[in-house]
């Protein structure tokens, strides 16, 4: 199922995103006793992350949180996704530290990707890890996570995590979840804002482009949450 939902503000879209996370958490807890969430960085989800820390009825002690991708910078850098996630969300809820998972930024990108993949495998006891819900953004070039147009990472068909040579803005080495892992999740939602992103989503919806975001096709539910 793929659904486009439009909201008058980022406040409203973020509230909907938090509700999706809460519902997924309740379902996962009832089914298996714990919950997995992957979050992305960037400026757009700042309100969502802040609101998520205030969302009621989520059992934070039985959650595993993963970063979708990370730039290889120190946690104190304004470009650090983990730094932002801690500031707005992770430090405000009682998630055990060992249940917060992020790539190491002190290793070369390929080595960091390998280590992060091993860590993800260590959390799941399935044939292939199935995250309960993943939050994604999308750049103006259609990239999502750190999967950029025409990159070799888009061809990955088995690994969970890829190292990414310096790309994007700022142009830094990165580590990113791959399409096989993203598409194996139960629920994926994009949180986006502005007419440019809305236009890209319309093109993706009718199959008019093959940008990285268009390759996100989870097996169950996909939501495009668009804020004006």
Foldseek 3Di string as FASTA:
>chain_A
DEEEDEDAALLVLLVVVLVVQLVLQVVCCVVPNAAEEEEEADDSCLNSLLVNQVDPDHPQQRYAYEYQKFFLDDLPDPRGRNVSSCVRHDVSDPYPPLRYAYFHSVDAQAVSQVVSQVSQVVVDPDPADAHAEYEWEADLQGDIFPRFPPDCLQVDDDGQKGWAQQDDVVRGTMIGGGLVRQQRYQEYEYREEDDSVVVVVVCLVVVNDDTNNSSNHHPHYYYYYYYD
